[in-house]
Amino acid sequence: MQFQVTALEFDFDDSAAYDKDPNYFRDIYDDYIGTFWEADDGDDLVEEITSASGWCIKSIDYRIILK
């Protein structure tokens, strides 16, 4: 299935986030909002984005792209 990410909240509460420039976080969101992903289901989508970004996801909204 193909998904498009419409909203996303990463878990930046991790201690690794404290040494990052504030613009880093905006760039991360910008890199993923509106993107298209191939995944088996919503849970797989979360795993794919977590793996690609290196950050856990608190919440996600997406739409399924029908072919």
N, C-alpha and C. Protein backbone atom coordinates (compact mmCIF):
# COMPACT_ATOMS: atom_id res chain seq x y z
N MET A 1 0.83 -1.18 0.00
CA MET A 1 0.00 0.00 0.00
C MET A 1 0.88 1.24 0.00
N GLN A 2 0.35 2.30 -0.57
CA GLN A 2 1.10 3.55 -0.58
C GLN A 2 0.40 4.54 0.36
N PHE A 3 1.22 5.24 1.16
CA PHE A 3 0.74 6.20 2.14
C PHE A 3 1.37 7.57 1.88
N GLN A 4 0.65 8.63 2.24
CA GLN A 4 1.21 9.97 2.24
C GLN A 4 1.10 10.51 3.66
N VAL A 5 2.20 10.94 4.21
CA VAL A 5 2.22 11.49 5.56
C VAL A 5 1.63 12.90 5.53
N THR A 6 0.60 13.14 6.35
CA THR A 6 -0.03 14.46 6.40
C THR A 6 0.31 15.23 7.67
N ALA A 7 0.62 14.52 8.74
CA ALA A 7 1.03 15.16 10.01
C ALA A 7 1.86 14.14 10.78
N LEU A 8 2.77 14.66 11.57
CA LEU A 8 3.72 13.77 12.24
C LEU A 8 4.26 14.46 13.48
N GLU A 9 4.39 13.69 14.57
CA GLU A 9 5.03 14.21 15.77
C GLU A 9 6.10 13.21 16.20
N PHE A 10 7.33 13.66 16.16
CA PHE A 10 8.44 12.82 16.59
C PHE A 10 8.64 12.95 18.10
N ASP A 11 9.28 11.96 18.68
CA ASP A 11 9.59 11.98 20.11
C ASP A 11 10.99 12.56 20.28
N PHE A 12 11.04 13.90 20.36
CA PHE A 12 12.32 14.57 20.54
C PHE A 12 12.66 14.75 22.02
N ASP A 13 11.99 14.02 22.91
CA ASP A 13 12.27 14.11 24.34
C ASP A 13 13.52 13.34 24.73
N ASP A 14 14.08 12.59 23.81
CA ASP A 14 15.28 11.80 24.04
C ASP A 14 16.46 12.72 24.37
N SER A 15 17.36 12.26 25.20
CA SER A 15 18.52 13.07 25.58
C SER A 15 19.40 13.41 24.39
N ALA A 16 19.34 12.63 23.33
CA ALA A 16 20.15 12.92 22.13
C ALA A 16 19.67 14.18 21.43
N ALA A 17 18.48 14.65 21.76
CA ALA A 17 17.93 15.84 21.11
C ALA A 17 18.47 17.13 21.71
N TYR A 18 19.03 17.07 22.88
CA TYR A 18 19.43 18.29 23.58
C TYR A 18 20.61 19.01 22.94
N ASP A 19 21.42 18.32 22.20
CA ASP A 19 22.58 18.98 21.59
C ASP A 19 22.33 19.40 20.14
N LYS A 20 21.08 19.37 19.71
CA LYS A 20 20.73 19.72 18.33
C LYS A 20 20.32 21.18 18.21
N ASP A 21 20.63 21.76 17.07
CA ASP A 21 20.18 23.10 16.73
C ASP A 21 18.66 23.08 16.56
N PRO A 22 17.93 24.08 17.06
CA PRO A 22 16.46 24.09 16.91
C PRO A 22 15.98 23.96 15.46
N ASN A 23 16.75 24.47 14.51
CA ASN A 23 16.36 24.33 13.10
C ASN A 23 16.43 22.88 12.63
N TYR A 24 17.22 22.08 13.30
CA TYR A 24 17.33 20.66 12.98
C TYR A 24 15.97 19.99 13.05
N PHE A 25 15.19 20.32 14.08
CA PHE A 25 13.89 19.69 14.27
C PHE A 25 12.90 20.11 13.19
N ARG A 26 12.93 21.36 12.81
CA ARG A 26 12.04 21.85 11.74
C ARG A 26 12.41 21.15 10.43
N ASP A 27 13.69 20.99 10.18
CA ASP A 27 14.14 20.31 8.97
C ASP A 27 13.67 18.86 8.94
N ILE A 28 13.70 18.20 10.08
CA ILE A 28 13.23 16.80 10.16
C ILE A 28 11.76 16.73 9.76
N TYR A 29 10.93 17.61 10.34
CA TYR A 29 9.51 17.62 9.98
C TYR A 29 9.34 17.89 8.50
N ASP A 30 10.04 18.87 7.99
CA ASP A 30 9.92 19.24 6.58
C ASP A 30 10.33 18.09 5.66
N ASP A 31 11.26 17.26 6.12
CA ASP A 31 11.71 16.13 5.31
C ASP A 31 10.65 15.03 5.20
N TYR A 32 9.69 14.98 6.12
CA TYR A 32 8.74 13.86 6.14
C TYR A 32 7.29 14.23 5.86
N ILE A 33 6.88 15.45 6.15
CA ILE A 33 5.50 15.85 5.87
C ILE A 33 5.28 15.90 4.36
N GLY A 34 4.24 15.23 3.90
CA GLY A 34 3.92 15.21 2.48
C GLY A 34 4.59 14.11 1.69
N THR A 35 5.46 13.35 2.33
CA THR A 35 6.18 12.30 1.62
C THR A 35 5.31 11.06 1.41
N PHE A 36 5.69 10.28 0.42
CA PHE A 36 4.97 9.05 0.08
C PHE A 36 5.82 7.85 0.49
N TRP A 37 5.16 6.83 1.03
CA TRP A 37 5.84 5.64 1.52
C TRP A 37 5.10 4.39 1.11
N GLU A 38 5.84 3.34 0.83
CA GLU A 38 5.28 2.02 0.63
C GLU A 38 5.38 1.28 1.95
N ALA A 39 4.25 0.74 2.42
CA ALA A 39 4.24 -0.01 3.68
C ALA A 39 3.06 -0.98 3.65
N ASP A 40 3.12 -1.99 4.51
CA ASP A 40 2.05 -2.99 4.58
C ASP A 40 0.80 -2.45 5.26
N ASP A 41 1.02 -1.61 6.29
CA ASP A 41 -0.09 -1.03 7.05
C ASP A 41 0.45 0.16 7.84
N GLY A 42 -0.40 0.77 8.69
CA GLY A 42 0.02 1.93 9.46
C GLY A 42 1.17 1.66 10.40
N ASP A 43 1.16 0.49 11.02
CA ASP A 43 2.26 0.14 11.93
C ASP A 43 3.58 0.00 11.18
N ASP A 44 3.51 -0.60 10.01
CA ASP A 44 4.71 -0.75 9.19
C ASP A 44 5.21 0.62 8.73
N LEU A 45 4.28 1.52 8.43
CA LEU A 45 4.66 2.89 8.05
C LEU A 45 5.44 3.56 9.17
N VAL A 46 4.97 3.43 10.39
CA VAL A 46 5.67 4.01 11.55
C VAL A 46 7.07 3.43 11.65
N GLU A 47 7.20 2.13 11.48
CA GLU A 47 8.51 1.49 11.55
C GLU A 47 9.44 1.97 10.43
N GLU A 48 8.91 2.14 9.25
CA GLU A 48 9.71 2.61 8.12
C GLU A 48 10.25 4.02 8.37
N ILE A 49 9.37 4.91 8.86
CA ILE A 49 9.79 6.29 9.10
C ILE A 49 10.74 6.38 10.29
N THR A 50 10.48 5.60 11.32
CA THR A 50 11.37 5.56 12.48
C THR A 50 12.77 5.11 12.05
N SER A 51 12.82 4.09 11.23
CA SER A 51 14.10 3.58 10.75
C SER A 51 14.82 4.61 9.88
N ALA A 52 14.09 5.28 9.03
CA ALA A 52 14.70 6.26 8.12
C ALA A 52 15.16 7.52 8.84
N SER A 53 14.38 7.96 9.82
CA SER A 53 14.68 9.23 10.49
C SER A 53 15.61 9.07 11.68
N GLY A 54 15.55 7.91 12.31
CA GLY A 54 16.33 7.70 13.53
C GLY A 54 15.62 8.20 14.78
N TRP A 55 14.36 8.64 14.64
CA TRP A 55 13.58 9.14 15.77
C TRP A 55 12.28 8.35 15.89
N CYS A 56 11.87 8.08 17.14
CA CYS A 56 10.58 7.43 17.38
C CYS A 56 9.46 8.42 17.06
N ILE A 57 8.29 7.88 16.79
CA ILE A 57 7.14 8.69 16.43
C ILE A 57 6.11 8.64 17.55
N LYS A 58 5.66 9.82 17.97
CA LYS A 58 4.59 9.92 18.98
C LYS A 58 3.23 9.76 18.33
N SER A 59 3.03 10.44 17.20
CA SER A 59 1.76 10.34 16.49
C SER A 59 1.98 10.59 15.01
N ILE A 60 1.07 10.05 14.22
CA ILE A 60 1.17 10.20 12.77
C ILE A 60 -0.23 10.22 12.17
N ASP A 61 -0.41 11.05 11.18
CA ASP A 61 -1.62 11.05 10.36
C ASP A 61 -1.16 10.84 8.93
N TYR A 62 -1.95 10.10 8.19
CA TYR A 62 -1.60 9.80 6.82
C TYR A 62 -2.86 9.53 6.02
N ARG A 63 -2.69 9.50 4.72
CA ARG A 63 -3.79 9.08 3.88
C ARG A 63 -3.28 7.94 3.00
N ILE A 64 -4.18 7.04 2.69
CA ILE A 64 -3.84 5.92 1.84
C ILE A 64 -4.08 6.34 0.40
N ILE A 65 -3.10 6.11 -0.44
CA ILE A 65 -3.18 6.45 -1.85
C ILE A 65 -3.73 5.25 -2.61
N LEU A 66 -4.87 5.43 -3.21
CA LEU A 66 -5.48 4.35 -3.99
C LEU A 66 -4.95 4.40 -5.41
N LYS A 67 -4.65 3.27 -5.94
CA LYS A 67 -4.10 3.21 -7.30
C LYS A 67 -5.18 2.87 -8.28
